[in-house]
Amino acid sequence: MSETSQSIQLAVVGAGPGGYAAAFLAADLGMKVALIDMEPNPGGVCLYKGCIPSKALLHVAALINESKHAANWGIEFGAPKIDVDKLRTWKSNVVKKMTGGLGQLSKARSVQYVQGRASVVDPKTLRIEKNGNEAVRLSVDHIVLATGSRPAGIPGLSGSRFLDSTSALELPYIPKTMLVVGGGYIGLELGTVYAALGTQVSVVEMLNGILPGADRDLVMPLAKRLGTMFSKIVVNTKVASATETKDGVHIRFEGAEAPAEEQTYEAVLVSVGRKPNSDFPGLDKTRVQRDGRGFIQVDGQRRTAEPSIFAIGDVAGEPMLAHKASHEGRTAVEA
């Protein structure tokens, strides 16, 4: 494998809303910046596998639902004919257009975009593997870790009929029935999409209401509306066991409001939160510390226990939101 060396002022690892916001500001302030990510353009989970494809599909769901309500206004449409392949292509083109735009912004700001997998050599050196046969060694003044998060799983809930938020957004098929495990915003958004496309969606939440942590007065009207869209919403209940067979996934529930009999679903969407991508190669060679949940510990300026390394966004703590990551990216760069 061939290897080249460069020296720069700032390396940002992870090109999501936090990473590219940090890189763009640093470049605007006159720094020599490298932005590193596995994807061909900036965007991160938000643009590639999260907010943007989700909102694109929610737009489709809203259009379908509104066409149904139009009969109340004296305007009637026939039942929608859904071309899943065409819908998937349209969604992918939305993502491609937005991430491509960020790629152009990177070039316009003279940000060096490096597609590859980064690892820490020491607190001021990174190694990026590109295309399997080429590597770049970067000597840096500072590093900003913006490596984001990934879907959390549940032991025992895995198999060909199980989806997470990433695979569900790919629209592999439209199942007749689906169980959404977890009543947070990600599961409810995707449940809404699949319900509009014709799936009978059920939701199970182990706490006493959907959207835990949100204002109950705001949740009430949403819960009422979702109750008309979904087949069932069950709270104070968890999945006790899941068995996948050729005819579906057989689920047994337990809890105060659990169905007494075993239920069968064609697909199961596991949406129980996300966990930080803090298992970064070589991080053990630094003084960076993680808490009990895996989040990288930072101060108010987003600096870790290693003075040259900062961490922002999902990897540095909740809430895992794009605008929070962007703000932290700017804070780190200014520091």
C-alpha atoms as a PDB file:
ATOM      1  CA  MET A   1       0.000   0.000   0.000  1.00  0.00           C
ATOM      2  CA  SER A   2       1.400   3.406  -1.000  1.00  0.00           C
ATOM      3  CA  GLU A   3       1.368   6.161   1.618  1.00  0.00           C
ATOM      4  CA  THR A   4       1.774   9.937   1.352  1.00  0.00           C
ATOM      5  CA  SER A   5       2.177  12.540   4.089  1.00  0.00           C
ATOM      6  CA  GLN A   6       0.693  16.007   4.558  1.00  0.00           C
ATOM      7  CA  SER A   7       0.607  18.700   7.233  1.00  0.00           C
ATOM      8  CA  ILE A   8      -2.546  20.697   7.940  1.00  0.00           C
ATOM      9  CA  GLN A   9      -3.992  22.769  10.749  1.00  0.00           C
ATOM     10  CA  LEU A  10      -7.304  20.983  11.309  1.00  0.00           C
ATOM     11  CA  ALA A  11      -8.634  17.537  10.479  1.00  0.00           C
ATOM     12  CA  VAL A  12     -12.373  16.920  10.893  1.00  0.00           C
ATOM     13  CA  VAL A  13     -13.320  13.245  11.012  1.00  0.00           C
ATOM     14  CA  GLY A  14     -16.940  12.748  10.001  1.00  0.00           C
ATOM     15  CA  ALA A  15     -18.714  14.903   7.414  1.00  0.00           C
ATOM     16  CA  GLY A  16     -22.204  15.163   8.869  1.00  0.00           C
ATOM     17  CA  PRO A  17     -23.930  18.438   9.834  1.00  0.00           C
ATOM     18  CA  GLY A  18     -21.453  18.914  12.685  1.00  0.00           C
ATOM     19  CA  GLY A  19     -18.358  17.966  10.737  1.00  0.00           C
ATOM     20  CA  TYR A  20     -18.972  19.965   7.591  1.00  0.00           C
ATOM     21  CA  ALA A  21     -20.151  22.995   9.604  1.00  0.00           C
ATOM     22  CA  ALA A  22     -16.867  22.876  11.528  1.00  0.00           C
ATOM     23  CA  ALA A  23     -14.768  22.421   8.378  1.00  0.00           C
ATOM     24  CA  PHE A  24     -16.512  25.214   6.494  1.00  0.00           C
ATOM     25  CA  LEU A  25     -16.118  27.717   9.343  1.00  0.00           C
ATOM     26  CA  ALA A  26     -12.478  26.778   9.855  1.00  0.00           C
ATOM     27  CA  ALA A  27     -11.794  27.312   6.150  1.00  0.00           C
ATOM     28  CA  ASP A  28     -13.619  30.649   6.245  1.00  0.00           C
ATOM     29  CA  LEU A  29     -11.333  31.664   9.129  1.00  0.00           C
ATOM     30  CA  GLY A  30      -8.273  30.900   7.003  1.00  0.00           C
ATOM     31  CA  MET A  31      -7.295  27.474   8.306  1.00  0.00           C
ATOM     32  CA  LYS A  32      -5.977  24.667   6.137  1.00  0.00           C
ATOM     33  CA  VAL A  33      -8.636  21.989   6.642  1.00  0.00           C
ATOM     34  CA  ALA A  34      -9.172  18.340   5.759  1.00  0.00           C
ATOM     35  CA  LEU A  35     -12.651  16.801   6.021  1.00  0.00           C
ATOM     36  CA  ILE A  36     -12.617  12.993   6.208  1.00  0.00           C
ATOM     37  CA  ASP A  37     -15.510  10.584   5.655  1.00  0.00           C
ATOM     38  CA  MET A  38     -16.310   7.199   4.109  1.00  0.00           C
ATOM     39  CA  GLU A  39     -18.987   8.624   1.798  1.00  0.00           C
ATOM     40  CA  PRO A  40     -18.191  10.241  -1.580  1.00  0.00           C
ATOM     41  CA  ASN A  41     -19.522  13.640  -0.410  1.00  0.00           C
ATOM     42  CA  PRO A  42     -20.271  15.391   2.879  1.00  0.00           C
ATOM     43  CA  GLY A  43     -23.668  14.815   4.472  1.00  0.00           C
ATOM     44  CA  GLY A  44     -23.281  12.174   7.149  1.00  0.00           C
ATOM     45  CA  VAL A  45     -26.092  10.062   8.538  1.00  0.00           C
ATOM     46  CA  CYS A  46     -28.448  13.050   8.406  1.00  0.00           C
ATOM     47  CA  LEU A  47     -28.341  13.422   4.640  1.00  0.00           C
ATOM     48  CA  TYR A  48     -27.546   9.863   3.602  1.00  0.00           C
ATOM     49  CA  LYS A  49     -29.447   7.695   6.087  1.00  0.00           C
ATOM     50  CA  GLY A  50     -31.545   9.903   8.360  1.00  0.00           C
ATOM     51  CA  CYS A  51     -33.272  13.261   8.314  1.00  0.00           C
ATOM     52  CA  ILE A  52     -33.322  13.909   4.586  1.00  0.00           C
ATOM     53  CA  PRO A  53     -34.511  10.555   3.174  1.00  0.00           C
ATOM     54  CA  SER A  54     -36.938  10.316   6.090  1.00  0.00           C
ATOM     55  CA  LYS A  55     -38.452  13.732   5.388  1.00  0.00           C
ATOM     56  CA  ALA A  56     -38.607  13.000   1.666  1.00  0.00           C
ATOM     57  CA  LEU A  57     -40.668   9.872   2.361  1.00  0.00           C
ATOM     58  CA  LEU A  58     -42.781  11.713   4.942  1.00  0.00           C
ATOM     59  CA  HIS A  59     -43.653  14.199   2.199  1.00  0.00           C
ATOM     60  CA  VAL A  60     -44.940  11.292   0.106  1.00  0.00           C
ATOM     61  CA  ALA A  61     -46.891   9.954   3.084  1.00  0.00           C
ATOM     62  CA  ALA A  62     -48.457  13.375   3.690  1.00  0.00           C
ATOM     63  CA  LEU A  63     -49.502  13.607   0.037  1.00  0.00           C
ATOM     64  CA  ILE A  64     -51.149  10.178   0.148  1.00  0.00           C
ATOM     65  CA  ASN A  65     -52.971  10.968   3.389  1.00  0.00           C
ATOM     66  CA  GLU A  66     -54.132  14.366   2.146  1.00  0.00           C
ATOM     67  CA  SER A  67     -55.529  12.809  -1.028  1.00  0.00           C
ATOM     68  CA  LYS A  68     -57.691  10.587   1.172  1.00  0.00           C
ATOM     69  CA  HIS A  69     -58.994  13.539   3.192  1.00  0.00           C
ATOM     70  CA  ALA A  70     -59.800  15.459   0.014  1.00  0.00           C
ATOM     71  CA  ALA A  71     -63.038  13.470  -0.336  1.00  0.00           C
ATOM     72  CA  ASN A  72     -64.365  15.498   2.593  1.00  0.00           C
ATOM     73  CA  TRP A  73     -63.898  18.608   0.475  1.00  0.00           C
ATOM     74  CA  GLY A  74     -65.684  17.178  -2.543  1.00  0.00           C
ATOM     75  CA  ILE A  75     -62.538  16.104  -4.409  1.00  0.00           C
ATOM     76  CA  GLU A  76     -62.080  12.382  -4.893  1.00  0.00           C
ATOM     77  CA  PHE A  77     -59.017  10.531  -6.158  1.00  0.00           C
ATOM     78  CA  GLY A  78     -58.629   6.880  -6.996  1.00  0.00           C
ATOM     79  CA  ALA A  79     -56.534   4.586  -4.823  1.00  0.00           C
ATOM     80  CA  PRO A  80     -52.840   5.462  -5.279  1.00  0.00           C
ATOM     81  CA  LYS A  81     -50.678   3.149  -7.352  1.00  0.00           C
ATOM     82  CA  ILE A  82     -47.276   3.011  -5.713  1.00  0.00           C
ATOM     83  CA  ASP A  83     -44.201   2.217  -7.792  1.00  0.00           C
ATOM     84  CA  VAL A  84     -41.721   1.345  -5.024  1.00  0.00           C
ATOM     85  CA  ASP A  85     -38.716   1.242  -7.372  1.00  0.00           C
ATOM     86  CA  LYS A  86     -39.488   4.714  -8.708  1.00  0.00           C
ATOM     87  CA  LEU A  87     -40.128   6.039  -5.194  1.00  0.00           C
ATOM     88  CA  ARG A  88     -36.817   4.638  -4.012  1.00  0.00           C
ATOM     89  CA  THR A  89     -35.005   6.208  -6.960  1.00  0.00           C
ATOM     90  CA  TRP A  90     -36.597   9.598  -6.338  1.00  0.00           C
ATOM     91  CA  LYS A  91     -35.603   9.489  -2.672  1.00  0.00           C
ATOM     92  CA  SER A  92     -32.039   8.534  -3.595  1.00  0.00           C
ATOM     93  CA  ASN A  93     -31.850  11.392  -6.116  1.00  0.00           C
ATOM     94  CA  VAL A  94     -32.909  13.874  -3.421  1.00  0.00           C
ATOM     95  CA  VAL A  95     -30.027  12.631  -1.267  1.00  0.00           C
ATOM     96  CA  LYS A  96     -27.584  12.657  -4.186  1.00  0.00           C
ATOM     97  CA  LYS A  97     -28.475  16.232  -5.131  1.00  0.00           C
ATOM     98  CA  MET A  98     -28.041  17.582  -1.601  1.00  0.00           C
ATOM     99  CA  THR A  99     -24.805  15.740  -0.826  1.00  0.00           C
ATOM    100  CA  GLY A 100     -23.427  16.703  -4.228  1.00  0.00           C
ATOM    101  CA  GLY A 101     -24.167  20.331  -3.388  1.00  0.00           C
ATOM    102  CA  LEU A 102     -22.166  20.004  -0.183  1.00  0.00           C
ATOM    103  CA  GLY A 103     -19.310  18.558  -2.200  1.00  0.00           C
ATOM    104  CA  GLN A 104     -19.305  21.664  -4.367  1.00  0.00           C
ATOM    105  CA  LEU A 105     -19.359  23.903  -1.277  1.00  0.00           C
ATOM    106  CA  SER A 106     -16.321  22.049   0.070  1.00  0.00           C
ATOM    107  CA  LYS A 107     -14.388  22.750  -3.119  1.00  0.00           C
ATOM    108  CA  ALA A 108     -15.498  26.375  -3.158  1.00  0.00           C
ATOM    109  CA  ARG A 109     -14.124  26.824   0.376  1.00  0.00           C
ATOM    110  CA  SER A 110     -10.880  24.973  -0.480  1.00  0.00           C
ATOM    111  CA  VAL A 111     -11.636  22.260   2.083  1.00  0.00           C
ATOM    112  CA  GLN A 112      -9.643  19.133   1.266  1.00  0.00           C
ATOM    113  CA  TYR A 113     -12.217  16.334   1.215  1.00  0.00           C
ATOM    114  CA  VAL A 114     -10.715  12.885   1.800  1.00  0.00           C
ATOM    115  CA  GLN A 115     -12.878   9.815   1.258  1.00  0.00           C
ATOM    116  CA  GLY A 116     -11.554   7.030   3.437  1.00  0.00           C
ATOM    117  CA  ARG A 117     -11.351   5.439   6.879  1.00  0.00           C
ATOM    118  CA  ALA A 118      -9.364   7.380   9.478  1.00  0.00           C
ATOM    119  CA  SER A 119      -7.504   6.102  12.516  1.00  0.00           C
ATOM    120  CA  VAL A 120      -5.470   7.853  15.210  1.00  0.00           C
ATOM    121  CA  VAL A 121      -1.711   7.336  15.167  1.00  0.00           C
ATOM    122  CA  ASP A 122      -1.087   9.789  18.003  1.00  0.00           C
ATOM    123  CA  PRO A 123      -2.839  12.951  19.310  1.00  0.00           C
ATOM    124  CA  LYS A 124      -1.605  14.964  16.349  1.00  0.00           C
ATOM    125  CA  THR A 125      -1.441  12.379  13.575  1.00  0.00           C
ATOM    126  CA  LEU A 126      -4.140  10.610  11.566  1.00  0.00           C
ATOM    127  CA  ARG A 127      -3.871   7.850   8.997  1.00  0.00           C
ATOM    128  CA  ILE A 128      -6.565   7.592   6.296  1.00  0.00           C
ATOM    129  CA  GLU A 129      -6.942   4.455   4.206  1.00  0.00           C
ATOM    130  CA  LYS A 130      -8.312   5.129   0.715  1.00  0.00           C
ATOM    131  CA  ASN A 131      -9.601   2.539  -1.765  1.00  0.00           C
ATOM    132  CA  GLY A 132      -7.750  -0.302  -0.074  1.00  0.00           C
ATOM    133  CA  ASN A 133      -4.371   0.405  -1.730  1.00  0.00           C
ATOM    134  CA  GLU A 134      -3.590   4.000  -0.812  1.00  0.00           C
ATOM    135  CA  ALA A 135      -3.127   5.804   2.493  1.00  0.00           C
ATOM    136  CA  VAL A 136      -2.590   9.388   3.631  1.00  0.00           C
ATOM    137  CA  ARG A 137      -0.825  10.336   6.866  1.00  0.00           C
ATOM    138  CA  LEU A 138      -1.910  13.724   8.190  1.00  0.00           C
ATOM    139  CA  SER A 139       0.122  15.713  10.715  1.00  0.00           C
ATOM    140  CA  VAL A 140      -2.324  18.137  12.336  1.00  0.00           C
ATOM    141  CA  ASP A 141      -2.541  20.843  14.956  1.00  0.00           C
ATOM    142  CA  HIS A 142      -6.056  19.837  15.998  1.00  0.00           C
ATOM    143  CA  ILE A 143      -8.591  17.081  15.364  1.00  0.00           C
ATOM    144  CA  VAL A 144     -12.380  17.376  15.575  1.00  0.00           C
ATOM    145  CA  LEU A 145     -14.145  14.035  15.971  1.00  0.00           C
ATOM    146  CA  ALA A 146     -17.625  14.178  14.446  1.00  0.00           C
ATOM    147  CA  THR A 147     -18.128  10.456  13.898  1.00  0.00           C
ATOM    148  CA  GLY A 148     -21.844  10.437  14.743  1.00  0.00           C
ATOM    149  CA  SER A 149     -23.895   7.438  15.847  1.00  0.00           C
ATOM    150  CA  ARG A 150     -25.524   4.237  14.599  1.00  0.00           C
ATOM    151  CA  PRO A 151     -28.799   2.429  15.338  1.00  0.00           C
ATOM    152  CA  ALA A 152     -28.879   0.558  18.632  1.00  0.00           C
ATOM    153  CA  GLY A 153     -30.050  -3.029  18.563  1.00  0.00           C
ATOM    154  CA  ILE A 154     -31.697  -5.444  20.969  1.00  0.00           C
ATOM    155  CA  PRO A 155     -30.191  -8.892  21.566  1.00  0.00           C
ATOM    156  CA  GLY A 156     -32.360 -11.543  19.961  1.00  0.00           C
ATOM    157  CA  LEU A 157     -34.067  -9.136  17.554  1.00  0.00           C
ATOM    158  CA  SER A 158     -32.145  -9.795  14.364  1.00  0.00           C
ATOM    159  CA  GLY A 159     -32.702 -11.662  11.127  1.00  0.00           C
ATOM    160  CA  SER A 160     -33.834 -11.187   7.543  1.00  0.00           C
ATOM    161  CA  ARG A 161     -37.219  -9.780   8.571  1.00  0.00           C
ATOM    162  CA  PHE A 162     -35.772  -7.272  11.042  1.00  0.00           C
ATOM    163  CA  LEU A 163     -35.068  -3.689   9.975  1.00  0.00           C
ATOM    164  CA  ASP A 164     -33.358  -0.726  11.594  1.00  0.00           C
ATOM    165  CA  SER A 165     -33.769   2.916  10.609  1.00  0.00           C
ATOM    166  CA  THR A 166     -31.093   2.641   7.909  1.00  0.00           C
ATOM    167  CA  SER A 167     -32.447  -0.450   6.165  1.00  0.00           C
ATOM    168  CA  ALA A 168     -36.059   0.709   6.536  1.00  0.00           C
ATOM    169  CA  LEU A 169     -35.262   3.904   4.627  1.00  0.00           C
ATOM    170  CA  GLU A 170     -34.049   1.787   1.710  1.00  0.00           C
ATOM    171  CA  LEU A 171     -37.654   0.581   1.218  1.00  0.00           C
ATOM    172  CA  PRO A 172     -36.592  -3.038   0.560  1.00  0.00           C
ATOM    173  CA  TYR A 173     -40.294  -3.956   0.233  1.00  0.00           C
ATOM    174  CA  ILE A 174     -43.680  -2.922   1.592  1.00  0.00           C
ATOM    175  CA  PRO A 175     -44.731  -5.539   4.158  1.00  0.00           C
ATOM    176  CA  LYS A 176     -48.400  -6.236   4.881  1.00  0.00           C
ATOM    177  CA  THR A 177     -47.800  -5.973   8.628  1.00  0.00           C
ATOM    178  CA  MET A 178     -45.001  -4.402  10.647  1.00  0.00           C
ATOM    179  CA  LEU A 179     -44.183  -4.059  14.331  1.00  0.00           C
ATOM    180  CA  VAL A 180     -42.230  -0.953  15.334  1.00  0.00           C
ATOM    181  CA  VAL A 181     -40.278  -1.630  18.525  1.00  0.00           C
ATOM    182  CA  GLY A 182     -39.817   1.762  20.175  1.00  0.00           C
ATOM    183  CA  GLY A 183     -42.122   4.768  20.277  1.00  0.00           C
ATOM    184  CA  GLY A 184     -39.537   7.480  19.694  1.00  0.00           C
ATOM    185  CA  TYR A 185     -39.538   9.948  16.818  1.00  0.00           C
ATOM    186  CA  ILE A 186     -37.543   7.749  14.426  1.00  0.00           C
ATOM    187  CA  GLY A 187     -39.848   4.763  14.783  1.00  0.00           C
ATOM    188  CA  LEU A 188     -42.978   6.916  14.520  1.00  0.00           C
ATOM    189  CA  GLU A 189     -41.710   8.709  11.402  1.00  0.00           C
ATOM    190  CA  LEU A 190     -40.915   5.462   9.624  1.00  0.00           C
ATOM    191  CA  GLY A 191     -44.134   3.883  10.870  1.00  0.00           C
ATOM    192  CA  THR A 192     -46.041   6.804   9.358  1.00  0.00           C
ATOM    193  CA  VAL A 193     -44.322   6.286   6.004  1.00  0.00           C
ATOM    194  CA  TYR A 194     -45.017   2.563   5.846  1.00  0.00           C
ATOM    195  CA  ALA A 195     -48.614   3.031   7.034  1.00  0.00           C
ATOM    196  CA  ALA A 196     -49.228   5.513   4.196  1.00  0.00           C
ATOM    197  CA  LEU A 197     -47.756   3.011   1.724  1.00  0.00           C
ATOM    198  CA  GLY A 198     -50.257   0.371   2.855  1.00  0.00           C
ATOM    199  CA  THR A 199     -48.613  -1.492   5.751  1.00  0.00           C
ATOM    200  CA  GLN A 200     -50.618  -2.314   8.874  1.00  0.00           C
ATOM    201  CA  VAL A 201     -48.308  -0.819  11.512  1.00  0.00           C
ATOM    202  CA  SER A 202     -48.281  -1.608  15.230  1.00  0.00           C
ATOM    203  CA  VAL A 203     -46.072   0.125  17.807  1.00  0.00           C
ATOM    204  CA  VAL A 204     -44.811  -1.187  21.138  1.00  0.00           C
ATOM    205  CA  GLU A 205     -43.181   1.097  23.717  1.00  0.00           C
ATOM    206  CA  MET A 206     -41.865  -0.089  27.082  1.00  0.00           C
ATOM    207  CA  LEU A 207     -42.519   3.258  28.817  1.00  0.00           C
ATOM    208  CA  ASN A 208     -45.931   4.743  29.572  1.00  0.00           C
ATOM    209  CA  GLY A 209     -46.274   6.799  26.399  1.00  0.00           C
ATOM    210  CA  ILE A 210     -44.865   7.472  22.948  1.00  0.00           C
ATOM    211  CA  LEU A 211     -42.181  10.118  22.462  1.00  0.00           C
ATOM    212  CA  PRO A 212     -40.733   9.755  25.975  1.00  0.00           C
ATOM    213  CA  GLY A 213     -39.358  13.026  27.278  1.00  0.00           C
ATOM    214  CA  ALA A 214     -41.547  15.239  25.080  1.00  0.00           C
ATOM    215  CA  ASP A 215     -44.213  17.547  26.520  1.00  0.00           C
ATOM    216  CA  ARG A 216     -47.305  15.409  27.144  1.00  0.00           C
ATOM    217  CA  ASP A 217     -49.671  18.193  26.037  1.00  0.00           C
ATOM    218  CA  LEU A 218     -47.931  18.183  22.642  1.00  0.00           C
ATOM    219  CA  VAL A 219     -47.860  14.409  22.408  1.00  0.00           C
ATOM    220  CA  MET A 220     -51.598  13.958  23.031  1.00  0.00           C
ATOM    221  CA  PRO A 221     -52.890  15.242  19.642  1.00  0.00           C
ATOM    222  CA  LEU A 222     -50.161  13.329  17.817  1.00  0.00           C
ATOM    223  CA  ALA A 223     -51.016  10.122  19.668  1.00  0.00           C
ATOM    224  CA  LYS A 224     -54.672  10.614  18.757  1.00  0.00           C
ATOM    225  CA  ARG A 225     -53.840  11.031  15.071  1.00  0.00           C
ATOM    226  CA  LEU A 226     -51.413   8.108  14.996  1.00  0.00           C
ATOM    227  CA  GLY A 227     -54.100   5.992  16.642  1.00  0.00           C
ATOM    228  CA  THR A 228     -56.161   6.386  13.471  1.00  0.00           C
ATOM    229  CA  MET A 229     -53.216   5.599  11.171  1.00  0.00           C
ATOM    230  CA  PHE A 230     -51.674   2.657  13.023  1.00  0.00           C
ATOM    231  CA  SER A 231     -53.341  -0.662  13.786  1.00  0.00           C
ATOM    232  CA  LYS A 232     -52.293  -0.537  17.420  1.00  0.00           C
ATOM    233  CA  ILE A 233     -50.087   1.407  19.843  1.00  0.00           C
ATOM    234  CA  VAL A 234     -49.220  -0.520  23.001  1.00  0.00           C
ATOM    235  CA  VAL A 235     -47.321   1.127  25.879  1.00  0.00           C
ATOM    236  CA  ASN A 236     -45.958  -0.215  29.183  1.00  0.00           C
ATOM    237  CA  THR A 237     -44.986  -3.291  27.173  1.00  0.00           C
ATOM    238  CA  LYS A 238     -41.816  -4.884  25.844  1.00  0.00           C
ATOM    239  CA  VAL A 239     -40.898  -7.720  23.508  1.00  0.00           C
ATOM    240  CA  ALA A 240     -40.301 -10.859  25.572  1.00  0.00           C
ATOM    241  CA  SER A 241     -39.302 -13.120  22.667  1.00  0.00           C
ATOM    242  CA  ALA A 242     -39.145 -13.139  18.885  1.00  0.00           C
ATOM    243  CA  THR A 243     -39.028 -16.167  16.611  1.00  0.00           C
ATOM    244  CA  GLU A 244     -38.517 -15.769  12.872  1.00  0.00           C
ATOM    245  CA  THR A 245     -40.091 -18.372  10.588  1.00  0.00           C
ATOM    246  CA  LYS A 246     -40.917 -18.587   6.894  1.00  0.00           C
ATOM    247  CA  ASP A 247     -44.341 -16.989   7.481  1.00  0.00           C
ATOM    248  CA  GLY A 248     -43.179 -14.060   9.636  1.00  0.00           C
ATOM    249  CA  VAL A 249     -41.848 -13.057  13.045  1.00  0.00           C
ATOM    250  CA  HIS A 250     -43.752 -14.441  16.028  1.00  0.00           C
ATOM    251  CA  ILE A 251     -43.639 -11.983  18.917  1.00  0.00           C
ATOM    252  CA  ARG A 252     -44.520 -12.618  22.539  1.00  0.00           C
ATOM    253  CA  PHE A 253     -45.051  -9.526  24.668  1.00  0.00           C
ATOM    254  CA  GLU A 254     -44.932  -8.872  28.391  1.00  0.00           C
ATOM    255  CA  GLY A 255     -46.080  -5.887  30.405  1.00  0.00           C
ATOM    256  CA  ALA A 256     -49.106  -4.181  31.913  1.00  0.00           C
ATOM    257  CA  GLU A 257     -50.851  -3.732  28.555  1.00  0.00           C
ATOM    258  CA  ALA A 258     -49.297  -6.650  26.662  1.00  0.00           C
ATOM    259  CA  PRO A 259     -51.493  -8.706  24.321  1.00  0.00           C
ATOM    260  CA  ALA A 260     -52.188 -12.086  25.890  1.00  0.00           C
ATOM    261  CA  GLU A 261     -51.597 -14.031  22.687  1.00  0.00           C
ATOM    262  CA  GLU A 262     -48.523 -14.231  20.475  1.00  0.00           C
ATOM    263  CA  GLN A 263     -48.624 -11.889  17.479  1.00  0.00           C
ATOM    264  CA  THR A 264     -47.138 -12.427  13.994  1.00  0.00           C
ATOM    265  CA  TYR A 265     -45.700  -9.712  11.748  1.00  0.00           C
ATOM    266  CA  GLU A 266     -44.192  -9.807   8.286  1.00  0.00           C
ATOM    267  CA  ALA A 267     -41.471  -7.358   9.348  1.00  0.00           C
ATOM    268  CA  VAL A 268     -40.129  -5.833  12.569  1.00  0.00           C
ATOM    269  CA  LEU A 269     -38.524  -2.394  12.750  1.00  0.00           C
ATOM    270  CA  VAL A 270     -36.220  -2.075  15.758  1.00  0.00           C
ATOM    271  CA  SER A 271     -36.040   1.599  16.674  1.00  0.00           C
ATOM    272  CA  VAL A 272     -34.798   1.888  20.246  1.00  0.00           C
ATOM    273  CA  GLY A 273     -32.368   4.748  19.886  1.00  0.00           C
ATOM    274  CA  ARG A 274     -28.807   5.178  18.688  1.00  0.00           C
ATOM    275  CA  LYS A 275     -25.343   4.647  20.138  1.00  0.00           C
ATOM    276  CA  PRO A 276     -22.235   6.794  19.578  1.00  0.00           C
ATOM    277  CA  ASN A 277     -19.482   5.825  17.141  1.00  0.00           C
ATOM    278  CA  SER A 278     -16.832   6.349  19.788  1.00  0.00           C
ATOM    279  CA  ASP A 279     -14.959   3.083  19.219  1.00  0.00           C
ATOM    280  CA  PHE A 280     -12.598   5.013  16.974  1.00  0.00           C
ATOM    281  CA  PRO A 281      -9.405   3.151  15.916  1.00  0.00           C
ATOM    282  CA  GLY A 282      -6.384   4.392  17.846  1.00  0.00           C
ATOM    283  CA  LEU A 283      -8.319   6.529  20.307  1.00  0.00           C
ATOM    284  CA  ASP A 284      -6.811   4.433  23.102  1.00  0.00           C
ATOM    285  CA  LYS A 285      -3.460   6.015  22.210  1.00  0.00           C
ATOM    286  CA  THR A 286      -4.751   9.368  23.490  1.00  0.00           C
ATOM    287  CA  ARG A 287      -6.112  10.737  26.770  1.00  0.00           C
ATOM    288  CA  VAL A 288      -9.664  10.953  25.369  1.00  0.00           C
ATOM    289  CA  GLN A 289     -12.198   9.581  27.864  1.00  0.00           C
ATOM    290  CA  ARG A 290     -15.669   8.073  27.393  1.00  0.00           C
ATOM    291  CA  ASP A 291     -18.537   7.844  29.852  1.00  0.00           C
ATOM    292  CA  GLY A 292     -20.512   4.743  30.779  1.00  0.00           C
ATOM    293  CA  ARG A 293     -22.769   5.080  27.736  1.00  0.00           C
ATOM    294  CA  GLY A 294     -19.866   5.420  25.306  1.00  0.00           C
ATOM    295  CA  PHE A 295     -20.092   9.182  24.727  1.00  0.00           C
ATOM    296  CA  ILE A 296     -16.790  11.052  24.441  1.00  0.00           C
ATOM    297  CA  GLN A 297     -16.419  13.433  27.371  1.00  0.00           C
ATOM    298  CA  VAL A 298     -15.897  17.089  26.496  1.00  0.00           C
ATOM    299  CA  ASP A 299     -15.907  20.493  28.179  1.00  0.00           C
ATOM    300  CA  GLY A 300     -17.943  23.531  27.194  1.00  0.00           C
ATOM    301  CA  GLN A 301     -15.636  24.250  24.278  1.00  0.00           C
ATOM    302  CA  ARG A 302     -16.032  20.618  23.097  1.00  0.00           C
ATOM    303  CA  ARG A 303     -12.405  19.832  24.012  1.00  0.00           C
ATOM    304  CA  THR A 304     -11.614  16.327  25.243  1.00  0.00           C
ATOM    305  CA  ALA A 305      -9.056  15.382  27.904  1.00  0.00           C
ATOM    306  CA  GLU A 306      -6.527  15.428  25.045  1.00  0.00           C
ATOM    307  CA  PRO A 307      -5.867  19.151  24.338  1.00  0.00           C
ATOM    308  CA  SER A 308      -5.497  18.693  20.568  1.00  0.00           C
ATOM    309  CA  ILE A 309      -8.701  16.678  20.141  1.00  0.00           C
ATOM    310  CA  PHE A 310     -12.290  17.958  20.176  1.00  0.00           C
ATOM    311  CA  ALA A 311     -15.535  15.988  19.831  1.00  0.00           C
ATOM    312  CA  ILE A 312     -18.932  17.213  18.636  1.00  0.00           C
ATOM    313  CA  GLY A 313     -22.402  15.982  17.763  1.00  0.00           C
ATOM    314  CA  ASP A 314     -23.840  12.543  18.472  1.00  0.00           C
ATOM    315  CA  VAL A 315     -20.512  11.061  19.571  1.00  0.00           C
ATOM    316  CA  ALA A 316     -20.224  13.680  22.332  1.00  0.00           C
ATOM    317  CA  GLY A 317     -23.653  13.312  23.940  1.00  0.00           C
ATOM    318  CA  GLU A 318     -27.360  13.863  23.599  1.00  0.00           C
ATOM    319  CA  PRO A 319     -29.531  15.264  22.198  1.00  0.00           C
ATOM    320  CA  MET A 320     -28.587  13.602  18.916  1.00  0.00           C
ATOM    321  CA  LEU A 321     -29.800  16.380  16.644  1.00  0.00           C
ATOM    322  CA  ALA A 322     -28.264  17.900  13.521  1.00  0.00           C
ATOM    323  CA  HIS A 323     -28.540  21.545  14.570  1.00  0.00           C
ATOM    324  CA  LYS A 324     -26.939  20.744  17.933  1.00  0.00           C
ATOM    325  CA  ALA A 325     -23.987  19.137  16.116  1.00  0.00           C
ATOM    326  CA  SER A 326     -23.610  22.150  13.789  1.00  0.00           C
ATOM    327  CA  HIS A 327     -23.546  24.549  16.748  1.00  0.00           C
ATOM    328  CA  GLU A 328     -20.966  22.431  18.561  1.00  0.00           C
ATOM    329  CA  GLY A 329     -18.841  22.272  15.410  1.00  0.00           C
ATOM    330  CA  ARG A 330     -18.672  26.041  15.245  1.00  0.00           C
ATOM    331  CA  THR A 331     -17.969  26.260  18.989  1.00  0.00           C
ATOM    332  CA  ALA A 332     -15.031  23.851  18.670  1.00  0.00           C
ATOM    333  CA  VAL A 333     -13.530  25.708  15.728  1.00  0.00           C
ATOM    334  CA  GLU A 334     -13.786  29.068  17.463  1.00  0.00           C
ATOM    335  CA  ALA A 335     -12.042  27.553  20.495  1.00  0.00           C
END
